[in-house]
Amino acid sequence: MFIVVEGVDGSGKSTLAKYLAEKIPNSVLMKENTKWLEEMSKFPEIADMLFEDFCKERVNYSKRIEKLIKAGYIVISDRFYPSTICYQLENCEKYDCKKMVEIYNKYYPQWLKPDLVLIPSVPFVVCLKRIRKRGEEIDAKFLRKVKKCYNMIGDIVDNVVYVKSKNHALDIVSELIKTA
């Protein structure tokens, strides 16, 4: 079984992913490499090449997940392709948007599709407070667009469930495990 925890920065997704990994027997917590995002911002002239490298890396990430699932593990990933939709494609006006979509469409069929995508339902102001508390910079206008995307992502991504608490998420996952 493959579970993805998604959400805008400050929504509690990493906390939720760790919580689920602690509570669910035989689970493995994985996290995608997102360092390339900084490189895209620093080097917009090669953003399409960096994005393609990331998409190729996600193919390999999918293969690692598949091996773990075949070995009997429940894999919980802190972020996956819905993040790409909400962060990179939402921000593509800084880059060659058409090229980014072409690259995404080229690799998307090779990515493992999650059995469940959990998105914490957290008010935007709470997300901003959490980010400020961590001392991180905030582009509130951009994050608001990302939050809006996550609020609608269930219309284009399968198996999305918006959760109100860690226990709500655990109940949903437990029920899915029982029926699997």
N, C-alpha and C. Protein backbone atom coordinates (compact mmCIF):
# COMPACT_ATOMS: atom_id res chain seq x y z
N MET A 1 0.85 -1.17 0.00
CA MET A 1 0.00 0.00 0.00
C MET A 1 0.90 1.24 0.00
N PHE A 2 0.48 2.24 -0.75
CA PHE A 2 1.25 3.48 -0.90
C PHE A 2 0.37 4.65 -0.49
N ILE A 3 0.81 5.35 0.57
CA ILE A 3 0.08 6.49 1.11
C ILE A 3 0.94 7.73 0.97
N VAL A 4 0.35 8.80 0.47
CA VAL A 4 1.06 10.07 0.32
C VAL A 4 0.40 11.10 1.23
N VAL A 5 1.23 11.85 1.94
CA VAL A 5 0.73 12.96 2.75
C VAL A 5 1.17 14.24 2.06
N GLU A 6 0.22 15.06 1.70
CA GLU A 6 0.45 16.28 0.94
C GLU A 6 -0.05 17.49 1.71
N GLY A 7 0.23 18.65 1.18
CA GLY A 7 -0.30 19.87 1.76
C GLY A 7 0.65 21.03 1.61
N VAL A 8 0.09 22.21 1.75
CA VAL A 8 0.87 23.43 1.68
C VAL A 8 1.84 23.48 2.86
N ASP A 9 2.94 24.19 2.71
CA ASP A 9 3.88 24.35 3.81
C ASP A 9 3.14 24.86 5.04
N GLY A 10 3.49 24.30 6.20
CA GLY A 10 2.86 24.72 7.44
C GLY A 10 1.55 24.03 7.75
N SER A 11 1.12 23.11 6.90
CA SER A 11 -0.17 22.44 7.10
C SER A 11 -0.09 21.27 8.09
N GLY A 12 1.12 20.85 8.42
CA GLY A 12 1.29 19.71 9.32
C GLY A 12 1.49 18.39 8.60
N LYS A 13 1.79 18.43 7.31
CA LYS A 13 1.92 17.19 6.55
C LYS A 13 3.07 16.33 7.03
N SER A 14 4.23 16.93 7.32
CA SER A 14 5.37 16.13 7.79
C SER A 14 5.09 15.53 9.16
N THR A 15 4.46 16.30 10.02
CA THR A 15 4.08 15.80 11.34
C THR A 15 3.10 14.64 11.20
N LEU A 16 2.14 14.78 10.30
CA LEU A 16 1.16 13.72 10.07
C LEU A 16 1.83 12.48 9.50
N ALA A 17 2.73 12.65 8.54
CA ALA A 17 3.42 11.51 7.94
C ALA A 17 4.22 10.74 9.00
N LYS A 18 4.94 11.46 9.85
CA LYS A 18 5.71 10.82 10.92
C LYS A 18 4.79 10.09 11.90
N TYR A 19 3.69 10.72 12.24
CA TYR A 19 2.71 10.12 13.16
C TYR A 19 2.18 8.80 12.60
N LEU A 20 1.80 8.81 11.33
CA LEU A 20 1.27 7.59 10.71
C LEU A 20 2.33 6.49 10.68
N ALA A 21 3.58 6.87 10.36
CA ALA A 21 4.66 5.88 10.31
C ALA A 21 4.91 5.26 11.69
N GLU A 22 4.73 6.05 12.74
CA GLU A 22 4.90 5.53 14.10
C GLU A 22 3.75 4.60 14.50
N LYS A 23 2.55 4.90 14.04
CA LYS A 23 1.36 4.16 14.48
C LYS A 23 1.02 2.94 13.62
N ILE A 24 1.44 2.94 12.38
CA ILE A 24 1.07 1.85 11.47
C ILE A 24 2.18 0.81 11.43
N PRO A 25 1.86 -0.41 11.83
CA PRO A 25 2.88 -1.47 11.81
C PRO A 25 3.37 -1.73 10.39
N ASN A 26 4.64 -2.09 10.30
CA ASN A 26 5.25 -2.47 9.02
C ASN A 26 5.21 -1.34 7.99
N SER A 27 5.37 -0.12 8.47
CA SER A 27 5.36 1.02 7.55
C SER A 27 6.76 1.62 7.42
N VAL A 28 6.97 2.28 6.30
CA VAL A 28 8.23 2.96 6.01
C VAL A 28 7.90 4.39 5.61
N LEU A 29 8.59 5.34 6.22
CA LEU A 29 8.41 6.76 5.87
C LEU A 29 9.48 7.17 4.89
N MET A 30 9.06 7.75 3.77
CA MET A 30 9.99 8.25 2.76
C MET A 30 9.70 9.72 2.50
N LYS A 31 10.72 10.41 2.02
CA LYS A 31 10.56 11.83 1.69
C LYS A 31 11.32 12.10 0.40
N GLU A 32 10.64 12.80 -0.50
CA GLU A 32 11.28 13.14 -1.77
C GLU A 32 12.38 14.17 -1.57
N ASN A 33 13.37 14.10 -2.44
CA ASN A 33 14.42 15.11 -2.47
C ASN A 33 13.85 16.36 -3.14
N THR A 34 13.85 17.47 -2.43
CA THR A 34 13.32 18.72 -3.00
C THR A 34 14.40 19.80 -3.12
N LYS A 35 15.66 19.42 -2.98
CA LYS A 35 16.75 20.40 -3.06
C LYS A 35 16.84 21.07 -4.43
N TRP A 36 16.38 20.38 -5.45
CA TRP A 36 16.44 20.92 -6.81
C TRP A 36 15.60 22.18 -6.96
N LEU A 37 14.62 22.36 -6.08
CA LEU A 37 13.77 23.56 -6.15
C LEU A 37 14.58 24.83 -5.97
N GLU A 38 15.51 24.79 -5.00
CA GLU A 38 16.37 25.94 -4.78
C GLU A 38 17.21 26.22 -6.02
N GLU A 39 17.68 25.16 -6.65
CA GLU A 39 18.49 25.33 -7.86
C GLU A 39 17.66 25.95 -8.98
N MET A 40 16.40 25.55 -9.09
CA MET A 40 15.54 26.15 -10.13
C MET A 40 15.41 27.65 -9.91
N SER A 41 15.27 28.06 -8.66
CA SER A 41 15.14 29.49 -8.36
C SER A 41 16.43 30.23 -8.66
N LYS A 42 17.56 29.60 -8.34
CA LYS A 42 18.86 30.24 -8.56
C LYS A 42 19.23 30.29 -10.04
N PHE A 43 18.83 29.27 -10.78
CA PHE A 43 19.24 29.14 -12.18
C PHE A 43 18.03 28.95 -13.09
N PRO A 44 17.17 29.96 -13.21
CA PRO A 44 15.95 29.80 -14.01
C PRO A 44 16.23 29.49 -15.49
N GLU A 45 17.43 29.85 -15.96
CA GLU A 45 17.75 29.59 -17.36
C GLU A 45 17.89 28.10 -17.66
N ILE A 46 18.13 27.28 -16.63
CA ILE A 46 18.20 25.83 -16.84
C ILE A 46 17.12 25.09 -16.03
N ALA A 47 16.07 25.81 -15.68
CA ALA A 47 15.00 25.23 -14.86
C ALA A 47 14.39 24.00 -15.51
N ASP A 48 14.21 24.03 -16.83
CA ASP A 48 13.59 22.87 -17.49
C ASP A 48 14.48 21.63 -17.37
N MET A 49 15.80 21.80 -17.47
CA MET A 49 16.72 20.68 -17.32
C MET A 49 16.68 20.14 -15.88
N LEU A 50 16.68 21.03 -14.91
CA LEU A 50 16.61 20.62 -13.51
C LEU A 50 15.29 19.90 -13.22
N PHE A 51 14.21 20.42 -13.77
CA PHE A 51 12.90 19.80 -13.57
C PHE A 51 12.87 18.41 -14.20
N GLU A 52 13.45 18.27 -15.37
CA GLU A 52 13.48 16.95 -16.01
C GLU A 52 14.30 15.96 -15.18
N ASP A 53 15.43 16.42 -14.63
CA ASP A 53 16.23 15.56 -13.75
C ASP A 53 15.40 15.10 -12.55
N PHE A 54 14.65 16.03 -11.98
CA PHE A 54 13.79 15.69 -10.84
C PHE A 54 12.74 14.65 -11.25
N CYS A 55 12.13 14.84 -12.40
CA CYS A 55 11.09 13.90 -12.86
C CYS A 55 11.68 12.50 -13.08
N LYS A 56 12.90 12.44 -13.60
CA LYS A 56 13.58 11.14 -13.77
C LYS A 56 13.85 10.52 -12.39
N GLU A 57 14.27 11.36 -11.45
CA GLU A 57 14.53 10.88 -10.09
C GLU A 57 13.25 10.31 -9.47
N ARG A 58 12.13 10.93 -9.78
CA ARG A 58 10.85 10.45 -9.24
C ARG A 58 10.50 9.07 -9.82
N VAL A 59 10.90 8.79 -11.04
CA VAL A 59 10.69 7.45 -11.61
C VAL A 59 11.44 6.42 -10.74
N ASN A 60 12.68 6.74 -10.39
CA ASN A 60 13.46 5.84 -9.54
C ASN A 60 12.87 5.74 -8.14
N TYR A 61 12.39 6.84 -7.61
CA TYR A 61 11.72 6.87 -6.31
C TYR A 61 10.51 5.94 -6.34
N SER A 62 9.76 5.98 -7.42
CA SER A 62 8.59 5.10 -7.59
C SER A 62 9.01 3.63 -7.59
N LYS A 63 10.12 3.33 -8.24
CA LYS A 63 10.61 1.95 -8.29
C LYS A 63 11.01 1.46 -6.90
N ARG A 64 11.65 2.33 -6.11
CA ARG A 64 12.01 1.95 -4.74
C ARG A 64 10.76 1.67 -3.91
N ILE A 65 9.75 2.51 -4.08
CA ILE A 65 8.49 2.32 -3.36
C ILE A 65 7.85 0.99 -3.75
N GLU A 66 7.82 0.70 -5.06
CA GLU A 66 7.24 -0.56 -5.53
C GLU A 66 7.94 -1.77 -4.90
N LYS A 67 9.27 -1.72 -4.79
CA LYS A 67 10.02 -2.83 -4.18
C LYS A 67 9.64 -3.00 -2.72
N LEU A 68 9.50 -1.89 -2.01
CA LEU A 68 9.10 -1.96 -0.60
C LEU A 68 7.69 -2.54 -0.45
N ILE A 69 6.79 -2.12 -1.31
CA ILE A 69 5.42 -2.64 -1.26
C ILE A 69 5.42 -4.15 -1.54
N LYS A 70 6.18 -4.57 -2.53
CA LYS A 70 6.27 -6.02 -2.84
C LYS A 70 6.85 -6.81 -1.68
N ALA A 71 7.70 -6.15 -0.88
CA ALA A 71 8.29 -6.80 0.29
C ALA A 71 7.34 -6.80 1.49
N GLY A 72 6.15 -6.22 1.30
CA GLY A 72 5.13 -6.25 2.35
C GLY A 72 5.01 -5.01 3.21
N TYR A 73 5.72 -3.96 2.85
CA TYR A 73 5.66 -2.72 3.63
C TYR A 73 4.53 -1.81 3.18
N ILE A 74 4.06 -1.00 4.10
CA ILE A 74 3.16 0.11 3.78
C ILE A 74 4.06 1.34 3.68
N VAL A 75 4.08 1.97 2.53
CA VAL A 75 4.97 3.11 2.31
C VAL A 75 4.19 4.40 2.49
N ILE A 76 4.73 5.28 3.32
CA ILE A 76 4.16 6.60 3.55
C ILE A 76 5.17 7.61 3.02
N SER A 77 4.73 8.43 2.09
CA SER A 77 5.62 9.42 1.49
C SER A 77 5.19 10.83 1.89
N ASP A 78 6.15 11.58 2.40
CA ASP A 78 5.96 12.99 2.70
C ASP A 78 6.17 13.73 1.38
N ARG A 79 5.08 14.01 0.69
CA ARG A 79 5.00 14.64 -0.64
C ARG A 79 5.19 13.62 -1.75
N PHE A 80 4.59 13.95 -2.90
CA PHE A 80 4.77 13.18 -4.13
C PHE A 80 4.28 14.05 -5.27
N TYR A 81 3.72 13.48 -6.33
CA TYR A 81 3.43 14.29 -7.51
C TYR A 81 2.36 15.37 -7.31
N PRO A 82 1.41 15.26 -6.39
CA PRO A 82 0.51 16.41 -6.21
C PRO A 82 1.25 17.70 -5.84
N SER A 83 2.39 17.57 -5.17
CA SER A 83 3.20 18.76 -4.87
C SER A 83 3.70 19.42 -6.14
N THR A 84 4.06 18.59 -7.11
CA THR A 84 4.53 19.15 -8.38
C THR A 84 3.43 19.96 -9.04
N ILE A 85 2.23 19.44 -9.00
CA ILE A 85 1.10 20.17 -9.58
C ILE A 85 0.91 21.49 -8.87
N CYS A 86 0.90 21.46 -7.55
CA CYS A 86 0.55 22.67 -6.79
C CYS A 86 1.71 23.64 -6.62
N TYR A 87 2.93 23.17 -6.59
CA TYR A 87 4.06 24.08 -6.39
C TYR A 87 4.73 24.48 -7.70
N GLN A 88 5.23 23.51 -8.46
CA GLN A 88 5.99 23.84 -9.65
C GLN A 88 5.12 24.37 -10.78
N LEU A 89 4.03 23.69 -11.07
CA LEU A 89 3.21 24.14 -12.19
C LEU A 89 2.45 25.42 -11.83
N GLU A 90 2.17 25.62 -10.55
CA GLU A 90 1.53 26.86 -10.11
C GLU A 90 2.50 28.03 -10.20
N ASN A 91 3.79 27.72 -10.15
CA ASN A 91 4.83 28.74 -10.15
C ASN A 91 5.54 28.83 -11.49
N CYS A 92 5.00 28.21 -12.52
CA CYS A 92 5.75 28.08 -13.77
C CYS A 92 5.85 29.37 -14.57
N GLU A 93 5.16 30.43 -14.15
CA GLU A 93 5.31 31.68 -14.90
C GLU A 93 6.74 32.21 -14.80
N LYS A 94 7.50 31.72 -13.79
CA LYS A 94 8.90 32.12 -13.67
C LYS A 94 9.77 31.36 -14.67
N TYR A 95 9.22 30.30 -15.24
CA TYR A 95 9.97 29.43 -16.14
C TYR A 95 9.19 29.29 -17.44
N ASP A 96 9.63 28.39 -18.30
CA ASP A 96 8.91 28.10 -19.53
C ASP A 96 7.78 27.12 -19.19
N CYS A 97 6.61 27.68 -18.95
CA CYS A 97 5.47 26.90 -18.46
C CYS A 97 5.12 25.75 -19.41
N LYS A 98 5.11 26.02 -20.68
CA LYS A 98 4.76 24.99 -21.66
C LYS A 98 5.75 23.83 -21.58
N LYS A 99 7.03 24.16 -21.49
CA LYS A 99 8.07 23.13 -21.41
C LYS A 99 7.92 22.31 -20.12
N MET A 100 7.61 22.98 -19.01
CA MET A 100 7.43 22.28 -17.73
C MET A 100 6.28 21.27 -17.82
N VAL A 101 5.19 21.68 -18.43
CA VAL A 101 4.03 20.78 -18.58
C VAL A 101 4.39 19.60 -19.49
N GLU A 102 5.13 19.86 -20.56
CA GLU A 102 5.56 18.78 -21.45
C GLU A 102 6.41 17.76 -20.70
N ILE A 103 7.34 18.25 -19.89
CA ILE A 103 8.21 17.36 -19.12
C ILE A 103 7.37 16.56 -18.13
N TYR A 104 6.48 17.23 -17.42
CA TYR A 104 5.61 16.56 -16.45
C TYR A 104 4.82 15.45 -17.13
N ASN A 105 4.21 15.75 -18.25
CA ASN A 105 3.39 14.77 -18.97
C ASN A 105 4.22 13.60 -19.50
N LYS A 106 5.47 13.85 -19.81
CA LYS A 106 6.36 12.80 -20.31
C LYS A 106 6.64 11.74 -19.23
N TYR A 107 6.83 12.18 -17.99
CA TYR A 107 7.23 11.26 -16.92
C TYR A 107 6.08 10.78 -16.04
N TYR A 108 5.00 11.53 -16.00
CA TYR A 108 3.87 11.19 -15.13
C TYR A 108 3.41 9.73 -15.27
N PRO A 109 3.29 9.19 -16.49
CA PRO A 109 2.81 7.79 -16.60
C PRO A 109 3.72 6.77 -15.92
N GLN A 110 4.98 7.12 -15.67
CA GLN A 110 5.93 6.19 -15.05
C GLN A 110 5.93 6.26 -13.52
N TRP A 111 5.21 7.22 -12.96
CA TRP A 111 5.19 7.39 -11.50
C TRP A 111 4.13 6.49 -10.90
N LEU A 112 4.46 5.91 -9.77
CA LEU A 112 3.51 5.09 -9.03
C LEU A 112 2.35 5.97 -8.55
N LYS A 113 1.15 5.45 -8.67
CA LYS A 113 -0.03 6.22 -8.22
C LYS A 113 -0.39 5.77 -6.81
N PRO A 114 -0.59 6.72 -5.91
CA PRO A 114 -0.89 6.38 -4.51
C PRO A 114 -2.26 5.73 -4.34
N ASP A 115 -2.33 4.86 -3.33
CA ASP A 115 -3.61 4.27 -2.94
C ASP A 115 -4.43 5.28 -2.15
N LEU A 116 -3.74 6.22 -1.52
CA LEU A 116 -4.41 7.23 -0.70
C LEU A 116 -3.54 8.47 -0.63
N VAL A 117 -4.16 9.64 -0.81
CA VAL A 117 -3.48 10.93 -0.64
C VAL A 117 -4.21 11.67 0.47
N LEU A 118 -3.50 11.90 1.56
CA LEU A 118 -4.07 12.62 2.70
C LEU A 118 -3.60 14.06 2.68
N ILE A 119 -4.54 14.98 2.84
CA ILE A 119 -4.21 16.41 2.88
C ILE A 119 -4.83 17.01 4.14
N PRO A 120 -3.99 17.50 5.06
CA PRO A 120 -4.54 18.13 6.26
C PRO A 120 -5.37 19.37 5.91
N SER A 121 -6.55 19.46 6.50
CA SER A 121 -7.41 20.65 6.33
C SER A 121 -7.06 21.64 7.43
N VAL A 122 -6.25 22.60 7.08
CA VAL A 122 -5.77 23.59 8.05
C VAL A 122 -6.01 24.98 7.48
N PRO A 123 -6.56 25.89 8.28
CA PRO A 123 -6.74 27.26 7.78
C PRO A 123 -5.40 27.88 7.35
N PHE A 124 -5.45 28.67 6.30
CA PHE A 124 -4.24 29.27 5.74
C PHE A 124 -3.48 30.10 6.78
N VAL A 125 -4.18 30.84 7.62
CA VAL A 125 -3.50 31.67 8.63
C VAL A 125 -2.70 30.81 9.60
N VAL A 126 -3.18 29.62 9.90
CA VAL A 126 -2.44 28.70 10.78
C VAL A 126 -1.15 28.26 10.09
N CYS A 127 -1.23 27.96 8.80
CA CYS A 127 -0.03 27.58 8.04
C CYS A 127 1.01 28.70 8.09
N LEU A 128 0.57 29.93 7.87
CA LEU A 128 1.50 31.07 7.90
C LEU A 128 2.14 31.22 9.27
N LYS A 129 1.36 31.08 10.34
CA LYS A 129 1.91 31.19 11.70
C LYS A 129 2.97 30.12 11.95
N ARG A 130 2.71 28.91 11.50
CA ARG A 130 3.67 27.82 11.70
C ARG A 130 4.97 28.08 10.94
N ILE A 131 4.86 28.58 9.74
CA ILE A 131 6.05 28.87 8.94
C ILE A 131 6.86 29.98 9.61
N ARG A 132 6.19 31.03 10.06
CA ARG A 132 6.88 32.13 10.75
C ARG A 132 7.57 31.63 12.02
N LYS A 133 6.89 30.76 12.74
CA LYS A 133 7.45 30.21 13.98
C LYS A 133 8.75 29.44 13.71
N ARG A 134 8.84 28.82 12.54
CA ARG A 134 10.07 28.10 12.16
C ARG A 134 11.15 29.05 11.66
N GLY A 135 10.79 30.33 11.50
CA GLY A 135 11.77 31.32 11.05
C GLY A 135 12.04 31.28 9.55
N GLU A 136 11.13 30.72 8.80
CA GLU A 136 11.30 30.61 7.35
C GLU A 136 10.68 31.81 6.64
N GLU A 137 11.22 32.12 5.47
CA GLU A 137 10.65 33.19 4.65
C GLU A 137 9.32 32.72 4.07
N ILE A 138 8.43 33.68 3.86
CA ILE A 138 7.10 33.35 3.34
C ILE A 138 6.78 34.25 2.16
N ASP A 139 6.35 33.62 1.08
CA ASP A 139 5.73 34.35 -0.02
C ASP A 139 4.24 34.03 0.08
N ALA A 140 3.55 34.83 0.89
CA ALA A 140 2.15 34.55 1.22
C ALA A 140 1.26 34.50 -0.02
N LYS A 141 1.53 35.36 -0.98
CA LYS A 141 0.71 35.39 -2.20
C LYS A 141 0.85 34.05 -2.95
N PHE A 142 2.08 33.59 -3.10
CA PHE A 142 2.31 32.32 -3.78
C PHE A 142 1.70 31.16 -2.98
N LEU A 143 1.94 31.14 -1.66
CA LEU A 143 1.40 30.05 -0.84
C LEU A 143 -0.12 30.01 -0.86
N ARG A 144 -0.74 31.17 -0.96
CA ARG A 144 -2.20 31.21 -1.05
C ARG A 144 -2.66 30.50 -2.33
N LYS A 145 -1.93 30.71 -3.44
CA LYS A 145 -2.27 30.02 -4.70
C LYS A 145 -2.07 28.51 -4.55
N VAL A 146 -0.99 28.13 -3.86
CA VAL A 146 -0.72 26.71 -3.65
C VAL A 146 -1.82 26.08 -2.79
N LYS A 147 -2.22 26.77 -1.74
CA LYS A 147 -3.29 26.29 -0.85
C LYS A 147 -4.59 26.11 -1.65
N LYS A 148 -4.88 27.07 -2.51
CA LYS A 148 -6.09 26.98 -3.35
C LYS A 148 -6.00 25.74 -4.26
N CYS A 149 -4.82 25.49 -4.80
CA CYS A 149 -4.62 24.31 -5.65
C CYS A 149 -4.89 23.03 -4.84
N TYR A 150 -4.33 22.96 -3.64
CA TYR A 150 -4.57 21.77 -2.81
C TYR A 150 -6.04 21.61 -2.46
N ASN A 151 -6.75 22.71 -2.31
CA ASN A 151 -8.18 22.63 -2.01
C ASN A 151 -8.97 22.04 -3.17
N MET A 152 -8.42 22.11 -4.38
CA MET A 152 -9.12 21.60 -5.57
C MET A 152 -8.49 20.33 -6.14
N ILE A 153 -7.37 19.89 -5.60
CA ILE A 153 -6.62 18.81 -6.23
C ILE A 153 -7.39 17.49 -6.26
N GLY A 154 -8.34 17.33 -5.36
CA GLY A 154 -9.16 16.12 -5.37
C GLY A 154 -9.98 15.97 -6.65
N ASP A 155 -10.12 17.06 -7.40
CA ASP A 155 -10.85 16.99 -8.67
C ASP A 155 -10.01 16.38 -9.79
N ILE A 156 -8.67 16.38 -9.63
CA ILE A 156 -7.81 15.87 -10.71
C ILE A 156 -6.91 14.72 -10.29
N VAL A 157 -6.78 14.48 -8.99
CA VAL A 157 -5.95 13.39 -8.48
C VAL A 157 -6.87 12.39 -7.76
N ASP A 158 -6.67 11.11 -8.04
CA ASP A 158 -7.50 10.07 -7.41
C ASP A 158 -7.12 9.85 -5.95
N ASN A 159 -8.10 9.36 -5.19
CA ASN A 159 -7.91 8.88 -3.82
C ASN A 159 -7.49 9.95 -2.82
N VAL A 160 -7.92 11.18 -3.03
CA VAL A 160 -7.60 12.28 -2.11
C VAL A 160 -8.64 12.33 -1.00
N VAL A 161 -8.14 12.44 0.24
CA VAL A 161 -9.01 12.62 1.40
C VAL A 161 -8.45 13.78 2.22
N TYR A 162 -9.30 14.74 2.53
CA TYR A 162 -8.92 15.87 3.38
C TYR A 162 -9.19 15.46 4.82
N VAL A 163 -8.17 15.60 5.67
CA VAL A 163 -8.30 15.14 7.06
C VAL A 163 -8.25 16.31 8.03
N LYS A 164 -9.01 16.17 9.10
CA LYS A 164 -9.13 17.23 10.10
C LYS A 164 -8.18 17.05 11.28
N SER A 165 -7.66 15.83 11.47
CA SER A 165 -6.76 15.58 12.59
C SER A 165 -5.91 14.34 12.30
N LYS A 166 -4.89 14.14 13.14
CA LYS A 166 -4.05 12.95 12.99
C LYS A 166 -4.88 11.68 13.22
N ASN A 167 -5.76 11.70 14.20
CA ASN A 167 -6.58 10.52 14.48
C ASN A 167 -7.55 10.23 13.34
N HIS A 168 -8.10 11.28 12.74
CA HIS A 168 -8.97 11.11 11.57
C HIS A 168 -8.20 10.41 10.46
N ALA A 169 -6.97 10.85 10.21
CA ALA A 169 -6.13 10.24 9.18
C ALA A 169 -5.84 8.78 9.51
N LEU A 170 -5.51 8.51 10.76
CA LEU A 170 -5.20 7.14 11.17
C LEU A 170 -6.42 6.24 11.00
N ASP A 171 -7.61 6.74 11.32
CA ASP A 171 -8.84 5.96 11.13
C ASP A 171 -9.04 5.60 9.66
N ILE A 172 -8.81 6.56 8.77
CA ILE A 172 -8.98 6.34 7.33
C ILE A 172 -7.98 5.29 6.84
N VAL A 173 -6.72 5.43 7.25
CA VAL A 173 -5.69 4.49 6.82
C VAL A 173 -5.98 3.09 7.39
N SER A 174 -6.37 3.02 8.64
CA SER A 174 -6.68 1.72 9.26
C SER A 174 -7.81 1.01 8.51
N GLU A 175 -8.82 1.77 8.14
CA GLU A 175 -9.94 1.19 7.39
C GLU A 175 -9.49 0.70 6.01
N LEU A 176 -8.63 1.47 5.36
CA LEU A 176 -8.11 1.08 4.04
C LEU A 176 -7.29 -0.21 4.15
N ILE A 177 -6.48 -0.31 5.21
CA ILE A 177 -5.67 -1.51 5.41
C ILE A 177 -6.56 -2.73 5.61
N LYS A 178 -7.63 -2.58 6.37
CA LYS A 178 -8.57 -3.69 6.62
C LYS A 178 -9.20 -4.20 5.33
N THR A 179 -9.49 -3.29 4.41
CA THR A 179 -10.19 -3.67 3.17
C THR A 179 -9.23 -4.08 2.06
N ALA A 180 -7.93 -3.90 2.27
CA ALA A 180 -6.95 -4.22 1.22
C ALA A 180 -6.72 -5.71 1.09
